[in-house]
């Protein structure tokens, strides 16, 4: 895929919150502007992607837990 195509895919997802805990966390992700839903690490997000990992401000989506990261979502900085 091209960089433009990747941007279009990323724009479908909005990261609204994360719960980072030891081992497994969760992320609040909105797809295509729909109501955001909490997704636990390892669970499917949409379209064949799973939530691979979460950190304090970031959620990483991949084809599987063993696959390389495909999409990295970041929380907007406060006040931006």
C-alpha atoms as a PDB file:
ATOM      1  CA  UNK A   1       0.000   0.000   0.000  1.00  0.00           C
ATOM      2  CA  UNK A   2       0.951   3.597  -0.479  1.00  0.00           C
ATOM      3  CA  UNK A   3       1.416   6.179   2.252  1.00  0.00           C
ATOM      4  CA  UNK A   4      -1.798   7.918   1.147  1.00  0.00           C
ATOM      5  CA  UNK A   5      -3.725   4.681   1.470  1.00  0.00           C
ATOM      6  CA  UNK A   6      -2.340   4.140   4.984  1.00  0.00           C
ATOM      7  CA  UNK A   7      -3.472   7.640   5.988  1.00  0.00           C
ATOM      8  CA  UNK A   8      -6.997   6.902   4.768  1.00  0.00           C
ATOM      9  CA  UNK A   9      -7.096   3.737   6.863  1.00  0.00           C
ATOM     10  CA  UNK A  10      -5.795   5.481   9.974  1.00  0.00           C
ATOM     11  CA  UNK A  11      -8.421   8.211   9.620  1.00  0.00           C
ATOM     12  CA  UNK A  12     -11.123   5.567  10.065  1.00  0.00           C
ATOM     13  CA  UNK A  13      -9.961   5.002  13.646  1.00  0.00           C
ATOM     14  CA  UNK A  14     -10.049   7.435  16.535  1.00  0.00           C
ATOM     15  CA  UNK A  15      -8.388   6.687  19.860  1.00  0.00           C
ATOM     16  CA  UNK A  16     -10.426   8.246  22.667  1.00  0.00           C
ATOM     17  CA  UNK A  17      -8.836   6.653  25.699  1.00  0.00           C
ATOM     18  CA  UNK A  18      -6.536   3.934  26.949  1.00  0.00           C
ATOM     19  CA  UNK A  19      -6.355   1.788  30.058  1.00  0.00           C
ATOM     20  CA  UNK A  20      -2.767   0.600  30.298  1.00  0.00           C
ATOM     21  CA  UNK A  21      -2.247  -2.155  32.820  1.00  0.00           C
ATOM     22  CA  UNK A  22       0.413  -4.773  33.317  1.00  0.00           C
ATOM     23  CA  UNK A  23       0.252  -7.333  30.564  1.00  0.00           C
ATOM     24  CA  UNK A  24      -3.142  -6.464  29.183  1.00  0.00           C
ATOM     25  CA  UNK A  25      -4.789  -3.122  28.751  1.00  0.00           C
ATOM     26  CA  UNK A  26      -7.664  -1.771  26.720  1.00  0.00           C
ATOM     27  CA  UNK A  27      -8.340   1.089  24.347  1.00  0.00           C
ATOM     28  CA  UNK A  28     -11.459   3.088  23.603  1.00  0.00           C
ATOM     29  CA  UNK A  29     -11.589   3.154  19.806  1.00  0.00           C
ATOM     30  CA  UNK A  30     -14.119   4.682  17.432  1.00  0.00           C
ATOM     31  CA  UNK A  31     -14.329   3.229  13.909  1.00  0.00           C
ATOM     32  CA  UNK A  32     -15.767   5.279  11.039  1.00  0.00           C
ATOM     33  CA  UNK A  33     -17.117   7.876  13.456  1.00  0.00           C
ATOM     34  CA  UNK A  34     -19.307   5.376  15.276  1.00  0.00           C
ATOM     35  CA  UNK A  35     -19.698   5.197  19.029  1.00  0.00           C
ATOM     36  CA  UNK A  36     -16.381   4.308  20.623  1.00  0.00           C
ATOM     37  CA  UNK A  37     -16.101   0.835  22.122  1.00  0.00           C
ATOM     38  CA  UNK A  38     -13.564  -0.522  24.600  1.00  0.00           C
ATOM     39  CA  UNK A  39     -11.296  -3.167  23.094  1.00  0.00           C
ATOM     40  CA  UNK A  40      -8.987  -5.332  25.189  1.00  0.00           C
ATOM     41  CA  UNK A  41      -5.489  -6.205  24.004  1.00  0.00           C
ATOM     42  CA  UNK A  42      -5.700  -9.299  21.803  1.00  0.00           C
ATOM     43  CA  UNK A  43      -9.305  -8.681  20.768  1.00  0.00           C
ATOM     44  CA  UNK A  44     -10.437  -7.711  17.257  1.00  0.00           C
ATOM     45  CA  UNK A  45     -10.943  -4.035  16.488  1.00  0.00           C
ATOM     46  CA  UNK A  46     -12.253  -4.079  12.926  1.00  0.00           C
ATOM     47  CA  UNK A  47     -11.534  -5.519   9.514  1.00  0.00           C
ATOM     48  CA  UNK A  48      -9.054  -8.187  10.542  1.00  0.00           C
ATOM     49  CA  UNK A  49      -7.060  -5.997  12.928  1.00  0.00           C
ATOM     50  CA  UNK A  50      -6.550  -6.756  16.608  1.00  0.00           C
ATOM     51  CA  UNK A  51      -5.408  -4.491  19.417  1.00  0.00           C
ATOM     52  CA  UNK A  52      -1.752  -5.500  19.737  1.00  0.00           C
ATOM     53  CA  UNK A  53      -0.719  -3.266  22.630  1.00  0.00           C
ATOM     54  CA  UNK A  54      -1.491  -0.108  24.547  1.00  0.00           C
ATOM     55  CA  UNK A  55       0.708   2.388  26.364  1.00  0.00           C
ATOM     56  CA  UNK A  56      -0.137   5.578  28.223  1.00  0.00           C
ATOM     57  CA  UNK A  57      -1.003   7.547  25.073  1.00  0.00           C
ATOM     58  CA  UNK A  58      -0.947   5.011  22.267  1.00  0.00           C
ATOM     59  CA  UNK A  59      -2.725   1.988  20.835  1.00  0.00           C
ATOM     60  CA  UNK A  60      -1.158  -0.308  18.250  1.00  0.00           C
ATOM     61  CA  UNK A  61      -3.241  -2.338  15.792  1.00  0.00           C
ATOM     62  CA  UNK A  62      -1.950  -5.331  13.837  1.00  0.00           C
ATOM     63  CA  UNK A  63      -3.205  -8.319  11.883  1.00  0.00           C
ATOM     64  CA  UNK A  64      -2.521 -10.522  14.900  1.00  0.00           C
ATOM     65  CA  UNK A  65      -0.684 -10.359  18.223  1.00  0.00           C
ATOM     66  CA  UNK A  66       2.378 -11.874  16.501  1.00  0.00           C
ATOM     67  CA  UNK A  67       2.234  -9.624  13.428  1.00  0.00           C
ATOM     68  CA  UNK A  68       4.152  -6.366  13.019  1.00  0.00           C
ATOM     69  CA  UNK A  69       2.300  -3.186  13.919  1.00  0.00           C
ATOM     70  CA  UNK A  70       0.145  -1.866  11.092  1.00  0.00           C
ATOM     71  CA  UNK A  71      -1.512   1.186  12.618  1.00  0.00           C
ATOM     72  CA  UNK A  72      -0.431   3.269  15.606  1.00  0.00           C
ATOM     73  CA  UNK A  73      -3.081   5.517  17.124  1.00  0.00           C
ATOM     74  CA  UNK A  74      -2.135   8.289  19.534  1.00  0.00           C
ATOM     75  CA  UNK A  75      -4.268  10.262  21.932  1.00  0.00           C
ATOM     76  CA  UNK A  76      -4.381  13.953  21.099  1.00  0.00           C
ATOM     77  CA  UNK A  77      -2.347  16.043  23.501  1.00  0.00           C
ATOM     78  CA  UNK A  78      -4.444  17.986  26.008  1.00  0.00           C
ATOM     79  CA  UNK A  79      -5.243  21.439  24.731  1.00  0.00           C
ATOM     80  CA  UNK A  80      -4.552  20.649  21.097  1.00  0.00           C
END
